[in-house]
Amino acid sequence: MERVGQLAPQLVALAMVPILLLHLGINGYGVWALVNTLMVFAVSLDEGSAISAQRFYIVYSTRGDAKFTARFTTTLLTFVALVTALLYALGPIISKTVLALTHIPAGLQSDASFLLRNIGLLIGLLLCSNIFVGYLRAVNRFRAIAIVTIVAQFGYVATIVLLAEQLTVRRMFTLALVQLVS
């Protein structure tokens, strides 16, 4: 079960490529892939905070220290909220910069700008997800991680398949928000 949960996001991403290419078009898929690449890059800059958080959660849980665990979680989530707010505030600058450096077709510039202006929300949700996964790993809830991951991926695939004819780059943003919240 745990291995399936680990592989599910990669398998889903790979399986969705033909569907997304067909319904978003090559350029729309390119915009979506660019935004995903920027998100992965930004989240990888977190300096291993998820792994560090997991280590501290292990320390606090072995001590039975719920007070420090709650305080630590509050601190981490406050930091993520501040980073998210900063990225959201910088969204227009991020959007202008990326659009100036890329050759996005005129018909997709509005959607690309929307995604790039709001990329901070997706990055913030990814960081929150990493913190909570770190906590679940620390308390040996690997099966719970796997189940949630599988359910979220299944819901993502089902929604894309059901909405395939109505897919747009902006709708992909909404789907990503829903997937990250679940």
N, C-alpha and C. Protein backbone atom coordinates (compact mmCIF):
# COMPACT_ATOMS: atom_id res chain seq x y z
N MET A 1 0.82 -1.19 0.00
CA MET A 1 0.00 0.00 0.00
C MET A 1 0.87 1.26 0.00
N GLU A 2 1.90 1.27 0.88
CA GLU A 2 2.74 2.46 0.99
C GLU A 2 3.49 2.74 -0.31
N ARG A 3 3.97 1.69 -0.96
CA ARG A 3 4.70 1.88 -2.23
C ARG A 3 3.79 2.43 -3.32
N VAL A 4 2.56 1.96 -3.35
CA VAL A 4 1.59 2.47 -4.33
C VAL A 4 1.35 3.95 -4.07
N GLY A 5 1.24 4.32 -2.80
CA GLY A 5 1.05 5.72 -2.43
C GLY A 5 2.23 6.59 -2.84
N GLN A 6 3.44 6.03 -2.78
CA GLN A 6 4.62 6.77 -3.19
C GLN A 6 4.69 6.93 -4.71
N LEU A 7 4.27 5.92 -5.42
CA LEU A 7 4.35 5.95 -6.89
C LEU A 7 3.15 6.64 -7.55
N ALA A 8 2.05 6.72 -6.85
CA ALA A 8 0.82 7.24 -7.45
C ALA A 8 0.97 8.60 -8.12
N PRO A 9 1.57 9.61 -7.47
CA PRO A 9 1.67 10.91 -8.13
C PRO A 9 2.47 10.87 -9.44
N GLN A 10 3.55 10.11 -9.46
CA GLN A 10 4.35 10.03 -10.67
C GLN A 10 3.62 9.28 -11.78
N LEU A 11 2.96 8.19 -11.40
CA LEU A 11 2.20 7.42 -12.39
C LEU A 11 1.04 8.24 -12.96
N VAL A 12 0.36 8.96 -12.09
CA VAL A 12 -0.76 9.80 -12.54
C VAL A 12 -0.26 10.90 -13.46
N ALA A 13 0.83 11.56 -13.08
CA ALA A 13 1.38 12.62 -13.91
C ALA A 13 1.74 12.10 -15.30
N LEU A 14 2.34 10.94 -15.35
CA LEU A 14 2.71 10.34 -16.63
C LEU A 14 1.49 9.95 -17.44
N ALA A 15 0.52 9.35 -16.79
CA ALA A 15 -0.70 8.91 -17.49
C ALA A 15 -1.54 10.09 -17.99
N MET A 16 -1.45 11.22 -17.30
CA MET A 16 -2.27 12.38 -17.67
C MET A 16 -1.69 13.18 -18.84
N VAL A 17 -0.43 12.96 -19.18
CA VAL A 17 0.19 13.75 -20.25
C VAL A 17 -0.60 13.69 -21.55
N PRO A 18 -0.95 12.51 -22.05
CA PRO A 18 -1.69 12.49 -23.32
C PRO A 18 -3.06 13.18 -23.23
N ILE A 19 -3.74 13.01 -22.12
CA ILE A 19 -5.06 13.64 -21.96
C ILE A 19 -4.92 15.15 -21.91
N LEU A 20 -3.94 15.63 -21.15
CA LEU A 20 -3.73 17.07 -21.04
C LEU A 20 -3.26 17.66 -22.37
N LEU A 21 -2.39 16.96 -23.07
CA LEU A 21 -1.96 17.44 -24.39
C LEU A 21 -3.13 17.54 -25.35
N LEU A 22 -3.99 16.54 -25.33
CA LEU A 22 -5.14 16.53 -26.23
C LEU A 22 -6.11 17.66 -25.94
N HIS A 23 -6.36 17.92 -24.65
CA HIS A 23 -7.40 18.88 -24.30
C HIS A 23 -6.90 20.29 -24.00
N LEU A 24 -5.66 20.42 -23.58
CA LEU A 24 -5.10 21.76 -23.36
C LEU A 24 -4.34 22.25 -24.59
N GLY A 25 -3.95 21.31 -25.43
CA GLY A 25 -3.10 21.66 -26.58
C GLY A 25 -1.64 21.70 -26.14
N ILE A 26 -0.78 21.70 -27.11
CA ILE A 26 0.66 21.69 -26.81
C ILE A 26 1.06 22.93 -26.04
N ASN A 27 0.60 24.08 -26.47
CA ASN A 27 0.98 25.32 -25.78
C ASN A 27 0.37 25.41 -24.39
N GLY A 28 -0.89 25.03 -24.23
CA GLY A 28 -1.52 25.04 -22.92
C GLY A 28 -0.83 24.09 -21.96
N TYR A 29 -0.50 22.89 -22.48
CA TYR A 29 0.23 21.94 -21.65
C TYR A 29 1.60 22.50 -21.28
N GLY A 30 2.23 23.19 -22.22
CA GLY A 30 3.53 23.80 -21.95
C GLY A 30 3.46 24.83 -20.83
N VAL A 31 2.39 25.63 -20.82
CA VAL A 31 2.20 26.61 -19.75
C VAL A 31 2.02 25.88 -18.42
N TRP A 32 1.18 24.84 -18.44
CA TRP A 32 0.93 24.07 -17.21
C TRP A 32 2.22 23.41 -16.72
N ALA A 33 3.00 22.85 -17.64
CA ALA A 33 4.27 22.21 -17.27
C ALA A 33 5.26 23.23 -16.71
N LEU A 34 5.29 24.43 -17.30
CA LEU A 34 6.18 25.49 -16.81
C LEU A 34 5.81 25.87 -15.37
N VAL A 35 4.54 26.05 -15.11
CA VAL A 35 4.09 26.41 -13.76
C VAL A 35 4.43 25.29 -12.78
N ASN A 36 4.21 24.05 -13.17
CA ASN A 36 4.55 22.93 -12.29
C ASN A 36 6.05 22.87 -12.02
N THR A 37 6.86 23.14 -13.02
CA THR A 37 8.31 23.14 -12.85
C THR A 37 8.73 24.24 -11.88
N LEU A 38 8.15 25.43 -12.01
CA LEU A 38 8.45 26.52 -11.09
C LEU A 38 8.03 26.17 -9.66
N MET A 39 6.90 25.50 -9.52
CA MET A 39 6.44 25.09 -8.18
C MET A 39 7.41 24.09 -7.56
N VAL A 40 7.81 23.09 -8.33
CA VAL A 40 8.74 22.08 -7.80
C VAL A 40 10.07 22.74 -7.43
N PHE A 41 10.53 23.66 -8.28
CA PHE A 41 11.77 24.38 -7.98
C PHE A 41 11.63 25.17 -6.69
N ALA A 42 10.54 25.90 -6.53
CA ALA A 42 10.34 26.72 -5.33
C ALA A 42 10.25 25.85 -4.08
N VAL A 43 9.53 24.76 -4.17
CA VAL A 43 9.37 23.88 -3.00
C VAL A 43 10.69 23.20 -2.66
N SER A 44 11.52 22.93 -3.66
CA SER A 44 12.82 22.30 -3.37
C SER A 44 13.76 23.27 -2.68
N LEU A 45 13.45 24.56 -2.71
CA LEU A 45 14.29 25.55 -2.02
C LEU A 45 13.96 25.66 -0.54
N ASP A 46 13.06 24.84 -0.05
CA ASP A 46 12.65 24.93 1.36
C ASP A 46 13.74 24.45 2.31
N GLU A 47 14.92 24.11 1.75
CA GLU A 47 16.07 23.72 2.56
C GLU A 47 15.81 22.51 3.44
N GLY A 48 15.00 21.60 2.97
CA GLY A 48 14.76 20.38 3.73
C GLY A 48 13.92 20.60 4.97
N SER A 49 13.09 21.63 4.96
CA SER A 49 12.30 21.91 6.17
C SER A 49 11.36 20.77 6.51
N ALA A 50 10.86 20.06 5.50
CA ALA A 50 9.95 18.95 5.78
C ALA A 50 10.70 17.82 6.51
N ILE A 51 11.91 17.55 6.10
CA ILE A 51 12.71 16.50 6.75
C ILE A 51 13.10 16.95 8.16
N SER A 52 13.46 18.23 8.28
CA SER A 52 13.78 18.76 9.61
C SER A 52 12.56 18.72 10.51
N ALA A 53 11.42 19.09 9.96
CA ALA A 53 10.17 19.05 10.74
C ALA A 53 9.90 17.63 11.20
N GLN A 54 10.08 16.67 10.32
CA GLN A 54 9.86 15.28 10.68
C GLN A 54 10.76 14.88 11.85
N ARG A 55 12.01 15.30 11.81
CA ARG A 55 12.94 14.98 12.89
C ARG A 55 12.46 15.57 14.22
N PHE A 56 12.04 16.84 14.19
CA PHE A 56 11.56 17.47 15.42
C PHE A 56 10.26 16.83 15.91
N TYR A 57 9.39 16.46 14.98
CA TYR A 57 8.17 15.77 15.39
C TYR A 57 8.49 14.45 16.07
N ILE A 58 9.50 13.75 15.58
CA ILE A 58 9.91 12.49 16.21
C ILE A 58 10.40 12.76 17.63
N VAL A 59 11.24 13.78 17.78
CA VAL A 59 11.77 14.12 19.10
C VAL A 59 10.64 14.46 20.06
N TYR A 60 9.72 15.33 19.62
CA TYR A 60 8.64 15.76 20.49
C TYR A 60 7.68 14.61 20.81
N SER A 61 7.42 13.74 19.83
CA SER A 61 6.47 12.65 20.11
C SER A 61 7.09 11.60 21.02
N THR A 62 8.40 11.36 20.92
CA THR A 62 9.02 10.40 21.83
C THR A 62 9.05 10.93 23.26
N ARG A 63 9.07 12.24 23.39
CA ARG A 63 9.00 12.85 24.72
C ARG A 63 7.56 12.95 25.22
N GLY A 64 6.61 12.75 24.30
CA GLY A 64 5.20 12.92 24.67
C GLY A 64 4.86 14.38 24.90
N ASP A 65 5.54 15.25 24.19
CA ASP A 65 5.42 16.69 24.41
C ASP A 65 4.46 17.32 23.39
N ALA A 66 3.18 17.22 23.69
CA ALA A 66 2.16 17.75 22.79
C ALA A 66 2.23 19.27 22.71
N LYS A 67 2.63 19.92 23.78
CA LYS A 67 2.71 21.39 23.80
C LYS A 67 3.74 21.88 22.79
N PHE A 68 4.94 21.30 22.80
CA PHE A 68 5.97 21.71 21.86
C PHE A 68 5.61 21.31 20.44
N THR A 69 4.95 20.18 20.29
CA THR A 69 4.50 19.76 18.95
C THR A 69 3.53 20.79 18.38
N ALA A 70 2.58 21.22 19.18
CA ALA A 70 1.60 22.21 18.73
C ALA A 70 2.28 23.54 18.44
N ARG A 71 3.20 23.95 19.29
CA ARG A 71 3.91 25.21 19.09
C ARG A 71 4.76 25.15 17.82
N PHE A 72 5.43 24.04 17.63
CA PHE A 72 6.27 23.85 16.44
C PHE A 72 5.43 23.89 15.18
N THR A 73 4.29 23.21 15.20
CA THR A 73 3.40 23.20 14.04
C THR A 73 2.89 24.61 13.75
N THR A 74 2.52 25.33 14.78
CA THR A 74 2.05 26.71 14.60
C THR A 74 3.15 27.58 13.98
N THR A 75 4.37 27.42 14.46
CA THR A 75 5.49 28.19 13.91
C THR A 75 5.70 27.87 12.44
N LEU A 76 5.71 26.58 12.11
CA LEU A 76 5.91 26.18 10.72
C LEU A 76 4.80 26.72 9.82
N LEU A 77 3.57 26.57 10.25
CA LEU A 77 2.44 27.03 9.43
C LEU A 77 2.42 28.55 9.30
N THR A 78 2.85 29.25 10.33
CA THR A 78 2.95 30.71 10.25
C THR A 78 4.02 31.10 9.23
N PHE A 79 5.14 30.40 9.26
CA PHE A 79 6.20 30.67 8.28
C PHE A 79 5.69 30.42 6.86
N VAL A 80 5.01 29.31 6.66
CA VAL A 80 4.47 28.99 5.33
C VAL A 80 3.45 30.05 4.91
N ALA A 81 2.61 30.49 5.83
CA ALA A 81 1.64 31.54 5.51
C ALA A 81 2.34 32.82 5.08
N LEU A 82 3.43 33.17 5.76
CA LEU A 82 4.18 34.38 5.40
C LEU A 82 4.85 34.23 4.03
N VAL A 83 5.43 33.06 3.77
CA VAL A 83 6.05 32.81 2.46
C VAL A 83 4.98 32.86 1.37
N THR A 84 3.84 32.25 1.64
CA THR A 84 2.74 32.25 0.68
C THR A 84 2.28 33.68 0.39
N ALA A 85 2.12 34.47 1.44
CA ALA A 85 1.69 35.87 1.27
C ALA A 85 2.73 36.66 0.47
N LEU A 86 4.00 36.43 0.76
CA LEU A 86 5.06 37.11 0.02
C LEU A 86 5.03 36.72 -1.46
N LEU A 87 4.94 35.43 -1.73
CA LEU A 87 4.88 34.97 -3.13
C LEU A 87 3.64 35.49 -3.84
N TYR A 88 2.53 35.54 -3.11
CA TYR A 88 1.29 36.06 -3.69
C TYR A 88 1.45 37.55 -4.01
N ALA A 89 2.07 38.29 -3.09
CA ALA A 89 2.31 39.72 -3.33
C ALA A 89 3.27 39.94 -4.50
N LEU A 90 4.23 39.05 -4.65
CA LEU A 90 5.19 39.14 -5.75
C LEU A 90 4.65 38.55 -7.04
N GLY A 91 3.45 37.97 -6.98
CA GLY A 91 2.85 37.32 -8.15
C GLY A 91 2.88 38.16 -9.41
N PRO A 92 2.46 39.42 -9.38
CA PRO A 92 2.51 40.22 -10.61
C PRO A 92 3.93 40.38 -11.17
N ILE A 93 4.92 40.50 -10.28
CA ILE A 93 6.31 40.62 -10.74
C ILE A 93 6.78 39.30 -11.32
N ILE A 94 6.44 38.21 -10.64
CA ILE A 94 6.80 36.87 -11.14
C ILE A 94 6.18 36.68 -12.53
N SER A 95 4.91 37.03 -12.64
CA SER A 95 4.20 36.87 -13.91
C SER A 95 4.86 37.67 -15.02
N LYS A 96 5.12 38.93 -14.79
CA LYS A 96 5.74 39.78 -15.83
C LYS A 96 7.11 39.26 -16.23
N THR A 97 7.89 38.84 -15.23
CA THR A 97 9.24 38.34 -15.51
C THR A 97 9.20 37.07 -16.35
N VAL A 98 8.39 36.11 -15.93
CA VAL A 98 8.32 34.83 -16.66
C VAL A 98 7.76 35.05 -18.06
N LEU A 99 6.73 35.88 -18.17
CA LEU A 99 6.15 36.14 -19.50
C LEU A 99 7.15 36.86 -20.41
N ALA A 100 7.99 37.71 -19.84
CA ALA A 100 9.00 38.40 -20.63
C ALA A 100 10.10 37.44 -21.11
N LEU A 101 10.36 36.39 -20.33
CA LEU A 101 11.42 35.45 -20.67
C LEU A 101 10.96 34.29 -21.55
N THR A 102 9.67 34.11 -21.66
CA THR A 102 9.15 32.98 -22.43
C THR A 102 8.37 33.48 -23.65
N HIS A 103 8.11 32.58 -24.53
CA HIS A 103 7.36 32.92 -25.75
C HIS A 103 6.00 32.24 -25.71
N ILE A 104 5.17 32.68 -24.77
CA ILE A 104 3.84 32.11 -24.63
C ILE A 104 2.93 32.78 -25.65
N PRO A 105 2.19 31.98 -26.42
CA PRO A 105 1.29 32.56 -27.43
C PRO A 105 0.31 33.56 -26.81
N ALA A 106 -0.05 34.55 -27.60
CA ALA A 106 -0.93 35.63 -27.13
C ALA A 106 -2.23 35.09 -26.53
N GLY A 107 -2.79 34.05 -27.13
CA GLY A 107 -4.04 33.49 -26.65
C GLY A 107 -3.95 32.85 -25.27
N LEU A 108 -2.75 32.53 -24.82
CA LEU A 108 -2.56 31.91 -23.51
C LEU A 108 -1.92 32.84 -22.49
N GLN A 109 -1.57 34.04 -22.90
CA GLN A 109 -0.88 34.96 -21.99
C GLN A 109 -1.73 35.30 -20.77
N SER A 110 -3.02 35.49 -20.96
CA SER A 110 -3.90 35.83 -19.84
C SER A 110 -3.95 34.68 -18.84
N ASP A 111 -4.13 33.46 -19.33
CA ASP A 111 -4.16 32.29 -18.44
C ASP A 111 -2.82 32.08 -17.76
N ALA A 112 -1.73 32.23 -18.52
CA ALA A 112 -0.39 32.06 -17.94
C ALA A 112 -0.15 33.11 -16.87
N SER A 113 -0.56 34.34 -17.14
CA SER A 113 -0.40 35.41 -16.16
C SER A 113 -1.19 35.10 -14.89
N PHE A 114 -2.41 34.61 -15.06
CA PHE A 114 -3.23 34.23 -13.91
C PHE A 114 -2.53 33.17 -13.06
N LEU A 115 -2.03 32.12 -13.71
CA LEU A 115 -1.34 31.05 -12.98
C LEU A 115 -0.11 31.58 -12.26
N LEU A 116 0.67 32.36 -12.94
CA LEU A 116 1.91 32.86 -12.35
C LEU A 116 1.66 33.87 -11.23
N ARG A 117 0.61 34.66 -11.36
CA ARG A 117 0.26 35.60 -10.28
C ARG A 117 -0.18 34.85 -9.02
N ASN A 118 -0.76 33.69 -9.21
CA ASN A 118 -1.31 32.92 -8.08
C ASN A 118 -0.48 31.70 -7.71
N ILE A 119 0.70 31.57 -8.26
CA ILE A 119 1.53 30.39 -8.00
C ILE A 119 1.89 30.27 -6.52
N GLY A 120 1.94 31.38 -5.82
CA GLY A 120 2.24 31.35 -4.39
C GLY A 120 1.26 30.51 -3.59
N LEU A 121 -0.02 30.52 -4.01
CA LEU A 121 -1.02 29.69 -3.32
C LEU A 121 -0.69 28.21 -3.45
N LEU A 122 -0.33 27.80 -4.65
CA LEU A 122 0.01 26.39 -4.87
C LEU A 122 1.27 26.01 -4.11
N ILE A 123 2.26 26.88 -4.13
CA ILE A 123 3.51 26.61 -3.41
C ILE A 123 3.24 26.52 -1.91
N GLY A 124 2.43 27.42 -1.38
CA GLY A 124 2.09 27.38 0.04
C GLY A 124 1.40 26.09 0.42
N LEU A 125 0.47 25.65 -0.42
CA LEU A 125 -0.23 24.39 -0.14
C LEU A 125 0.72 23.20 -0.20
N LEU A 126 1.65 23.22 -1.15
CA LEU A 126 2.64 22.14 -1.23
C LEU A 126 3.51 22.12 0.03
N LEU A 127 3.93 23.29 0.49
CA LEU A 127 4.74 23.34 1.71
C LEU A 127 3.97 22.84 2.92
N CYS A 128 2.69 23.23 3.03
CA CYS A 128 1.85 22.72 4.12
C CYS A 128 1.72 21.21 4.05
N SER A 129 1.52 20.72 2.85
CA SER A 129 1.41 19.27 2.65
C SER A 129 2.69 18.57 3.12
N ASN A 130 3.84 19.14 2.78
CA ASN A 130 5.11 18.54 3.20
C ASN A 130 5.24 18.51 4.72
N ILE A 131 4.78 19.57 5.37
CA ILE A 131 4.84 19.60 6.84
C ILE A 131 3.96 18.50 7.43
N PHE A 132 2.74 18.38 6.94
CA PHE A 132 1.83 17.38 7.48
C PHE A 132 2.29 15.96 7.17
N VAL A 133 2.87 15.77 5.99
CA VAL A 133 3.42 14.45 5.67
C VAL A 133 4.59 14.14 6.60
N GLY A 134 5.41 15.16 6.88
CA GLY A 134 6.51 14.97 7.83
C GLY A 134 6.01 14.55 9.19
N TYR A 135 4.92 15.17 9.64
CA TYR A 135 4.32 14.78 10.92
C TYR A 135 3.83 13.33 10.87
N LEU A 136 3.10 13.00 9.81
CA LEU A 136 2.55 11.63 9.71
C LEU A 136 3.67 10.59 9.63
N ARG A 137 4.76 10.91 8.96
CA ARG A 137 5.89 9.99 8.93
C ARG A 137 6.50 9.83 10.32
N ALA A 138 6.59 10.94 11.03
CA ALA A 138 7.19 10.91 12.36
C ALA A 138 6.40 10.03 13.32
N VAL A 139 5.09 9.98 13.14
CA VAL A 139 4.25 9.17 14.04
C VAL A 139 3.85 7.85 13.38
N ASN A 140 4.63 7.45 12.38
CA ASN A 140 4.46 6.15 11.71
C ASN A 140 3.07 5.94 11.12
N ARG A 141 2.57 6.91 10.45
CA ARG A 141 1.26 6.81 9.78
C ARG A 141 1.44 6.69 8.28
N PHE A 142 2.30 5.78 7.88
CA PHE A 142 2.63 5.61 6.47
C PHE A 142 1.41 5.14 5.66
N ARG A 143 0.62 4.31 6.25
CA ARG A 143 -0.59 3.83 5.57
C ARG A 143 -1.56 4.98 5.33
N ALA A 144 -1.69 5.87 6.30
CA ALA A 144 -2.58 7.03 6.14
C ALA A 144 -2.10 7.93 5.01
N ILE A 145 -0.78 8.13 4.93
CA ILE A 145 -0.22 8.93 3.84
C ILE A 145 -0.55 8.28 2.50
N ALA A 146 -0.36 6.97 2.43
CA ALA A 146 -0.62 6.25 1.18
C ALA A 146 -2.09 6.34 0.78
N ILE A 147 -2.98 6.15 1.73
CA ILE A 147 -4.41 6.19 1.43
C ILE A 147 -4.84 7.57 0.95
N VAL A 148 -4.41 8.61 1.66
CA VAL A 148 -4.76 9.97 1.26
C VAL A 148 -4.19 10.29 -0.12
N THR A 149 -2.97 9.89 -0.36
CA THR A 149 -2.34 10.14 -1.66
C THR A 149 -3.09 9.44 -2.78
N ILE A 150 -3.43 8.18 -2.57
CA ILE A 150 -4.15 7.41 -3.59
C ILE A 150 -5.52 8.01 -3.85
N VAL A 151 -6.25 8.35 -2.80
CA VAL A 151 -7.58 8.95 -2.96
C VAL A 151 -7.48 10.28 -3.69
N ALA A 152 -6.51 11.12 -3.31
CA ALA A 152 -6.35 12.43 -3.97
C ALA A 152 -6.00 12.25 -5.44
N GLN A 153 -5.14 11.30 -5.73
CA GLN A 153 -4.75 11.06 -7.13
C GLN A 153 -5.92 10.50 -7.93
N PHE A 154 -6.67 9.60 -7.33
CA PHE A 154 -7.85 9.04 -8.01
C PHE A 154 -8.86 10.14 -8.31
N GLY A 155 -9.10 11.00 -7.32
CA GLY A 155 -10.02 12.11 -7.53
C GLY A 155 -9.55 13.05 -8.61
N TYR A 156 -8.25 13.32 -8.66
CA TYR A 156 -7.66 14.17 -9.68
C TYR A 156 -7.87 13.58 -11.07
N VAL A 157 -7.55 12.30 -11.22
CA VAL A 157 -7.73 11.62 -12.51
C VAL A 157 -9.20 11.61 -12.91
N ALA A 158 -10.07 11.24 -12.00
CA ALA A 158 -11.50 11.17 -12.31
C ALA A 158 -12.03 12.53 -12.75
N THR A 159 -11.61 13.59 -12.06
CA THR A 159 -12.07 14.93 -12.41
C THR A 159 -11.56 15.34 -13.79
N ILE A 160 -10.30 15.07 -14.06
CA ILE A 160 -9.75 15.42 -15.38
C ILE A 160 -10.47 14.65 -16.48
N VAL A 161 -10.72 13.38 -16.26
CA VAL A 161 -11.41 12.58 -17.27
C VAL A 161 -12.84 13.08 -17.47
N LEU A 162 -13.53 13.38 -16.37
CA LEU A 162 -14.91 13.86 -16.47
C LEU A 162 -15.00 15.24 -17.12
N LEU A 163 -14.01 16.09 -16.83
CA LEU A 163 -14.04 17.45 -17.36
C LEU A 163 -13.14 17.65 -18.58
N ALA A 164 -12.70 16.56 -19.17
CA ALA A 164 -11.71 16.64 -20.25
C ALA A 164 -12.08 17.65 -21.33
N GLU A 165 -13.32 17.65 -21.76
CA GLU A 165 -13.74 18.54 -22.84
C GLU A 165 -13.76 20.00 -22.42
N GLN A 166 -13.85 20.27 -21.13
CA GLN A 166 -13.90 21.65 -20.64
C GLN A 166 -12.58 22.10 -20.00
N LEU A 167 -11.51 21.31 -20.15
CA LEU A 167 -10.25 21.66 -19.50
C LEU A 167 -9.64 22.92 -20.11
N THR A 168 -9.21 23.80 -19.23
CA THR A 168 -8.44 24.97 -19.62
C THR A 168 -7.29 25.08 -18.63
N VAL A 169 -6.35 25.93 -18.94
CA VAL A 169 -5.22 26.12 -18.04
C VAL A 169 -5.71 26.66 -16.70
N ARG A 170 -6.68 27.56 -16.71
CA ARG A 170 -7.21 28.10 -15.45
C ARG A 170 -7.93 27.02 -14.65
N ARG A 171 -8.64 26.14 -15.31
CA ARG A 171 -9.32 25.06 -14.59
C ARG A 171 -8.30 24.10 -13.98
N MET A 172 -7.18 23.93 -14.65
CA MET A 172 -6.13 23.08 -14.09
C MET A 172 -5.62 23.68 -12.78
N PHE A 173 -5.57 25.00 -12.69
CA PHE A 173 -5.17 25.66 -11.45
C PHE A 173 -6.17 25.29 -10.34
N THR A 174 -7.44 25.37 -10.64
CA THR A 174 -8.47 25.04 -9.65
C THR A 174 -8.36 23.57 -9.25
N LEU A 175 -8.16 22.69 -10.22
CA LEU A 175 -7.98 21.26 -9.89
C LEU A 175 -6.78 21.05 -9.00
N ALA A 176 -5.70 21.76 -9.27
CA ALA A 176 -4.49 21.63 -8.45
C ALA A 176 -4.77 22.10 -7.02
N LEU A 177 -5.49 23.20 -6.88
CA LEU A 177 -5.85 23.68 -5.54
C LEU A 177 -6.65 22.62 -4.78
N VAL A 178 -7.64 22.05 -5.44
CA VAL A 178 -8.48 21.05 -4.79
C VAL A 178 -7.65 19.82 -4.44
N GLN A 179 -6.79 19.40 -5.35
CA GLN A 179 -5.96 18.22 -5.09
C GLN A 179 -5.03 18.46 -3.90
N LEU A 180 -4.44 19.64 -3.81
CA LEU A 180 -3.50 19.92 -2.73
C LEU A 180 -4.20 20.09 -1.38
N VAL A 181 -5.43 20.55 -1.39
CA VAL A 181 -6.18 20.70 -0.15
C VAL A 181 -6.63 19.36 0.37
N SER A 182 -6.91 18.43 -0.52
CA SER A 182 -7.41 17.11 -0.09
C SER A 182 -6.33 16.21 0.43
